[in-house]
Amino acid sequence: MTSKPDVVQIKMDKSFNPQASSPTKAFQVSVDDNKTVIVYNRIQGYILDSLIKAVFK
């Protein structure tokens, strides 16, 4: 017998709009004496990956 995932219907609040909420600071890293990187919670994954590779060599 094949395993099929359950399909569950959900209902969202009509006033829910994820774009309406403003981004908030997720973390802050001091890179140098005068350089600070601030990362917000809405950063895209590929941008965060590139940032981490550039900062933490």
PDB file of N, CA and C in Angstrom:
ATOM      1  N   MET A   1       0.846  -1.172   0.000  1.00  0.00           N
ATOM      2  CA  MET A   1       0.000   0.000   0.000  1.00  0.00           C
ATOM      3  C   MET A   1       0.898   1.245   0.000  1.00  0.00           C
ATOM      4  N   THR A   2       0.576   2.225  -0.810  1.00  0.00           N
ATOM      5  CA  THR A   2       1.403   3.433  -0.874  1.00  0.00           C
ATOM      6  C   THR A   2       1.012   4.398   0.228  1.00  0.00           C
ATOM      7  N   SER A   3       1.997   5.121   0.707  1.00  0.00           N
ATOM      8  CA  SER A   3       1.766   6.081   1.768  1.00  0.00           C
ATOM      9  C   SER A   3       1.500   7.444   1.151  1.00  0.00           C
ATOM     10  N   LYS A   4       0.341   7.999   1.428  1.00  0.00           N
ATOM     11  CA  LYS A   4      -0.011   9.314   0.913  1.00  0.00           C
ATOM     12  C   LYS A   4      -0.116  10.279   2.085  1.00  0.00           C
ATOM     13  N   PRO A   5       0.408  11.490   1.908  1.00  0.00           N
ATOM     14  CA  PRO A   5       0.315  12.464   2.998  1.00  0.00           C
ATOM     15  C   PRO A   5      -1.121  12.922   3.208  1.00  0.00           C
ATOM     16  N   ASP A   6      -1.450  13.242   4.447  1.00  0.00           N
ATOM     17  CA  ASP A   6      -2.772  13.767   4.745  1.00  0.00           C
ATOM     18  C   ASP A   6      -2.872  15.194   4.243  1.00  0.00           C
ATOM     19  N   VAL A   7      -4.011  15.555   3.717  1.00  0.00           N
ATOM     20  CA  VAL A   7      -4.262  16.921   3.282  1.00  0.00           C
ATOM     21  C   VAL A   7      -5.201  17.541   4.298  1.00  0.00           C
ATOM     22  N   VAL A   8      -4.747  18.628   4.891  1.00  0.00           N
ATOM     23  CA  VAL A   8      -5.520  19.278   5.932  1.00  0.00           C
ATOM     24  C   VAL A   8      -5.827  20.694   5.485  1.00  0.00           C
ATOM     25  N   GLN A   9      -7.087  21.060   5.528  1.00  0.00           N
ATOM     26  CA  GLN A   9      -7.486  22.402   5.157  1.00  0.00           C
ATOM     27  C   GLN A   9      -7.359  23.312   6.373  1.00  0.00           C
ATOM     28  N   ILE A  10      -6.750  24.465   6.154  1.00  0.00           N
ATOM     29  CA  ILE A  10      -6.651  25.447   7.221  1.00  0.00           C
ATOM     30  C   ILE A  10      -7.294  26.745   6.745  1.00  0.00           C
ATOM     31  N   LYS A  11      -7.773  27.524   7.673  1.00  0.00           N
ATOM     32  CA  LYS A  11      -8.369  28.805   7.339  1.00  0.00           C
ATOM     33  C   LYS A  11      -7.600  29.891   8.076  1.00  0.00           C
ATOM     34  N   MET A  12      -7.134  30.868   7.313  1.00  0.00           N
ATOM     35  CA  MET A  12      -6.384  31.970   7.885  1.00  0.00           C
ATOM     36  C   MET A  12      -7.339  33.126   8.156  1.00  0.00           C
ATOM     37  N   ASP A  13      -6.972  33.936   9.127  1.00  0.00           N
ATOM     38  CA  ASP A  13      -7.716  35.141   9.418  1.00  0.00           C
ATOM     39  C   ASP A  13      -7.631  36.065   8.202  1.00  0.00           C
ATOM     40  N   LYS A  14      -8.727  36.645   7.800  1.00  0.00           N
ATOM     41  CA  LYS A  14      -8.729  37.493   6.609  1.00  0.00           C
ATOM     42  C   LYS A  14      -7.865  38.734   6.783  1.00  0.00           C
ATOM     43  N   SER A  15      -7.671  39.185   7.995  1.00  0.00           N
ATOM     44  CA  SER A  15      -6.869  40.377   8.216  1.00  0.00           C
ATOM     45  C   SER A  15      -5.377  40.059   8.269  1.00  0.00           C
ATOM     46  N   PHE A  16      -5.014  38.786   8.186  1.00  0.00           N
ATOM     47  CA  PHE A  16      -3.611  38.396   8.248  1.00  0.00           C
ATOM     48  C   PHE A  16      -2.913  38.780   6.956  1.00  0.00           C
ATOM     49  N   ASN A  17      -1.837  39.567   7.084  1.00  0.00           N
ATOM     50  CA  ASN A  17      -1.044  39.975   5.938  1.00  0.00           C
ATOM     51  C   ASN A  17       0.424  39.983   6.378  1.00  0.00           C
ATOM     52  N   PRO A  18       1.210  38.992   5.967  1.00  0.00           N
ATOM     53  CA  PRO A  18       2.594  38.935   6.437  1.00  0.00           C
ATOM     54  C   PRO A  18       3.436  40.105   5.956  1.00  0.00           C
ATOM     55  N   GLN A  19       3.077  40.725   4.850  1.00  0.00           N
ATOM     56  CA  GLN A  19       3.842  41.861   4.338  1.00  0.00           C
ATOM     57  C   GLN A  19       3.569  43.129   5.137  1.00  0.00           C
ATOM     58  N   ALA A  20       2.471  43.177   5.872  1.00  0.00           N
ATOM     59  CA  ALA A  20       2.110  44.380   6.611  1.00  0.00           C
ATOM     60  C   ALA A  20       3.011  44.593   7.824  1.00  0.00           C
ATOM     61  N   SER A  21       3.497  43.520   8.407  1.00  0.00           N
ATOM     62  CA  SER A  21       4.356  43.679   9.579  1.00  0.00           C
ATOM     63  C   SER A  21       5.746  44.137   9.140  1.00  0.00           C
ATOM     64  N   SER A  22       6.306  45.042   9.906  1.00  0.00           N
ATOM     65  CA  SER A  22       7.616  45.571   9.546  1.00  0.00           C
ATOM     66  C   SER A  22       8.709  44.621  10.017  1.00  0.00           C
ATOM     67  N   PRO A  23       9.831  44.595   9.297  1.00  0.00           N
ATOM     68  CA  PRO A  23      10.942  43.733   9.720  1.00  0.00           C
ATOM     69  C   PRO A  23      11.527  44.203  11.047  1.00  0.00           C
ATOM     70  N   THR A  24      11.992  43.254  11.834  1.00  0.00           N
ATOM     71  CA  THR A  24      12.636  43.571  13.097  1.00  0.00           C
ATOM     72  C   THR A  24      14.064  43.017  13.073  1.00  0.00           C
ATOM     73  N   LYS A  25      14.921  43.599  13.881  1.00  0.00           N
ATOM     74  CA  LYS A  25      16.322  43.193  13.908  1.00  0.00           C
ATOM     75  C   LYS A  25      16.442  41.803  14.511  1.00  0.00           C
ATOM     76  N   ALA A  26      17.097  40.891  13.777  1.00  0.00           N
ATOM     77  CA  ALA A  26      17.308  39.534  14.262  1.00  0.00           C
ATOM     78  C   ALA A  26      18.594  39.441  15.065  1.00  0.00           C
ATOM     79  N   PHE A  27      19.698  39.960  14.516  1.00  0.00           N
ATOM     80  CA  PHE A  27      20.943  40.016  15.265  1.00  0.00           C
ATOM     81  C   PHE A  27      21.870  41.060  14.667  1.00  0.00           C
ATOM     82  N   GLN A  28      22.888  41.410  15.432  1.00  0.00           N
ATOM     83  CA  GLN A  28      23.846  42.443  15.041  1.00  0.00           C
ATOM     84  C   GLN A  28      25.245  41.927  15.332  1.00  0.00           C
ATOM     85  N   VAL A  29      26.159  42.076  14.362  1.00  0.00           N
ATOM     86  CA  VAL A  29      27.523  41.587  14.501  1.00  0.00           C
ATOM     87  C   VAL A  29      28.479  42.744  14.252  1.00  0.00           C
ATOM     88  N   SER A  30      29.420  42.946  15.160  1.00  0.00           N
ATOM     89  CA  SER A  30      30.478  43.928  14.942  1.00  0.00           C
ATOM     90  C   SER A  30      31.598  43.248  14.170  1.00  0.00           C
ATOM     91  N   VAL A  31      31.874  43.758  12.976  1.00  0.00           N
ATOM     92  CA  VAL A  31      32.879  43.158  12.108  1.00  0.00           C
ATOM     93  C   VAL A  31      34.247  43.783  12.362  1.00  0.00           C
ATOM     94  N   ASP A  32      34.275  45.083  12.550  1.00  0.00           N
ATOM     95  CA  ASP A  32      35.509  45.821  12.759  1.00  0.00           C
ATOM     96  C   ASP A  32      35.208  46.921  13.765  1.00  0.00           C
ATOM     97  N   ASP A  33      36.179  47.777  14.025  1.00  0.00           N
ATOM     98  CA  ASP A  33      35.959  48.860  14.981  1.00  0.00           C
ATOM     99  C   ASP A  33      34.809  49.773  14.550  1.00  0.00           C
ATOM    100  N   ASN A  34      34.733  50.068  13.274  1.00  0.00           N
ATOM    101  CA  ASN A  34      33.716  50.995  12.781  1.00  0.00           C
ATOM    102  C   ASN A  34      32.691  50.338  11.865  1.00  0.00           C
ATOM    103  N   LYS A  35      32.646  49.012  11.851  1.00  0.00           N
ATOM    104  CA  LYS A  35      31.731  48.309  10.945  1.00  0.00           C
ATOM    105  C   LYS A  35      30.827  47.369  11.733  1.00  0.00           C
ATOM    106  N   THR A  36      29.545  47.499  11.480  1.00  0.00           N
ATOM    107  CA  THR A  36      28.556  46.647  12.126  1.00  0.00           C
ATOM    108  C   THR A  36      27.589  46.129  11.070  1.00  0.00           C
ATOM    109  N   VAL A  37      27.251  44.859  11.154  1.00  0.00           N
ATOM    110  CA  VAL A  37      26.278  44.251  10.243  1.00  0.00           C
ATOM    111  C   VAL A  37      25.020  43.969  11.040  1.00  0.00           C
ATOM    112  N   ILE A  38      23.892  44.469  10.553  1.00  0.00           N
ATOM    113  CA  ILE A  38      22.598  44.223  11.182  1.00  0.00           C
ATOM    114  C   ILE A  38      21.783  43.346  10.247  1.00  0.00           C
ATOM    115  N   VAL A  39      21.271  42.237  10.763  1.00  0.00           N
ATOM    116  CA  VAL A  39      20.475  41.306   9.974  1.00  0.00           C
ATOM    117  C   VAL A  39      19.042  41.350  10.498  1.00  0.00           C
ATOM    118  N   TYR A  40      18.108  41.520   9.586  1.00  0.00           N
ATOM    119  CA  TYR A  40      16.694  41.581   9.942  1.00  0.00           C
ATOM    120  C   TYR A  40      16.028  40.237   9.684  1.00  0.00           C
ATOM    121  N   ASN A  41      14.880  40.019  10.304  1.00  0.00           N
ATOM    122  CA  ASN A  41      14.230  38.711  10.259  1.00  0.00           C
ATOM    123  C   ASN A  41      13.662  38.354   8.894  1.00  0.00           C
ATOM    124  N   ARG A  42      13.579  39.262   7.968  1.00  0.00           N
ATOM    125  CA  ARG A  42      13.028  38.949   6.654  1.00  0.00           C
ATOM    126  C   ARG A  42      14.094  38.758   5.586  1.00  0.00           C
ATOM    127  N   ILE A  43      15.335  38.493   5.986  1.00  0.00           N
ATOM    128  CA  ILE A  43      16.421  38.324   5.027  1.00  0.00           C
ATOM    129  C   ILE A  43      16.214  37.028   4.247  1.00  0.00           C
ATOM    130  N   GLN A  44      16.542  37.056   2.976  1.00  0.00           N
ATOM    131  CA  GLN A  44      16.447  35.863   2.135  1.00  0.00           C
ATOM    132  C   GLN A  44      17.587  34.912   2.466  1.00  0.00           C
ATOM    133  N   GLY A  45      17.349  33.622   2.329  1.00  0.00           N
ATOM    134  CA  GLY A  45      18.323  32.607   2.708  1.00  0.00           C
ATOM    135  C   GLY A  45      19.634  32.706   1.963  1.00  0.00           C
ATOM    136  N   TYR A  46      19.592  32.953   0.656  1.00  0.00           N
ATOM    137  CA  TYR A  46      20.823  33.013  -0.115  1.00  0.00           C
ATOM    138  C   TYR A  46      21.632  34.258   0.232  1.00  0.00           C
ATOM    139  N   ILE A  47      20.981  35.337   0.600  1.00  0.00           N
ATOM    140  CA  ILE A  47      21.688  36.546   1.018  1.00  0.00           C
ATOM    141  C   ILE A  47      22.351  36.306   2.365  1.00  0.00           C
ATOM    142  N   LEU A  48      21.652  35.673   3.286  1.00  0.00           N
ATOM    143  CA  LEU A  48      22.223  35.363   4.593  1.00  0.00           C
ATOM    144  C   LEU A  48      23.413  34.418   4.457  1.00  0.00           C
ATOM    145  N   ASP A  49      23.317  33.443   3.578  1.00  0.00           N
ATOM    146  CA  ASP A  49      24.416  32.509   3.352  1.00  0.00           C
ATOM    147  C   ASP A  49      25.650  33.245   2.831  1.00  0.00           C
ATOM    148  N   SER A  50      25.469  34.141   1.876  1.00  0.00           N
ATOM    149  CA  SER A  50      26.592  34.915   1.329  1.00  0.00           C
ATOM    150  C   SER A  50      27.182  35.843   2.383  1.00  0.00           C
ATOM    151  N   LEU A  51      26.331  36.437   3.194  1.00  0.00           N
ATOM    152  CA  LEU A  51      26.798  37.330   4.248  1.00  0.00           C
ATOM    153  C   LEU A  51      27.645  36.580   5.260  1.00  0.00           C
ATOM    154  N   ILE A  52      27.182  35.411   5.690  1.00  0.00           N
ATOM    155  CA  ILE A  52      27.926  34.620   6.680  1.00  0.00           C
ATOM    156  C   ILE A  52      29.271  34.185   6.113  1.00  0.00           C
ATOM    157  N   LYS A  53      29.301  33.794   4.831  1.00  0.00           N
ATOM    158  CA  LYS A  53      30.567  33.400   4.216  1.00  0.00           C
ATOM    159  C   LYS A  53      31.535  34.568   4.094  1.00  0.00           C
ATOM    160  N   ALA A  54      31.001  35.770   3.856  1.00  0.00           N
ATOM    161  CA  ALA A  54      31.871  36.941   3.724  1.00  0.00           C
ATOM    162  C   ALA A  54      32.390  37.414   5.081  1.00  0.00           C
ATOM    163  N   VAL A  55      31.565  37.367   6.105  1.00  0.00           N
ATOM    164  CA  VAL A  55      31.974  37.866   7.407  1.00  0.00           C
ATOM    165  C   VAL A  55      32.841  36.867   8.160  1.00  0.00           C
ATOM    166  N   PHE A  56      32.458  35.606   8.152  1.00  0.00           N
ATOM    167  CA  PHE A  56      33.177  34.563   8.891  1.00  0.00           C
ATOM    168  C   PHE A  56      33.967  33.702   7.934  1.00  0.00           C
ATOM    169  N   LYS A  57      35.092  34.215   7.463  1.00  0.00           N
ATOM    170  CA  LYS A  57      35.939  33.498   6.478  1.00  0.00           C
ATOM    171  C   LYS A  57      36.593  32.296   7.085  1.00  0.00           C
TER     172      LYS A  57
END
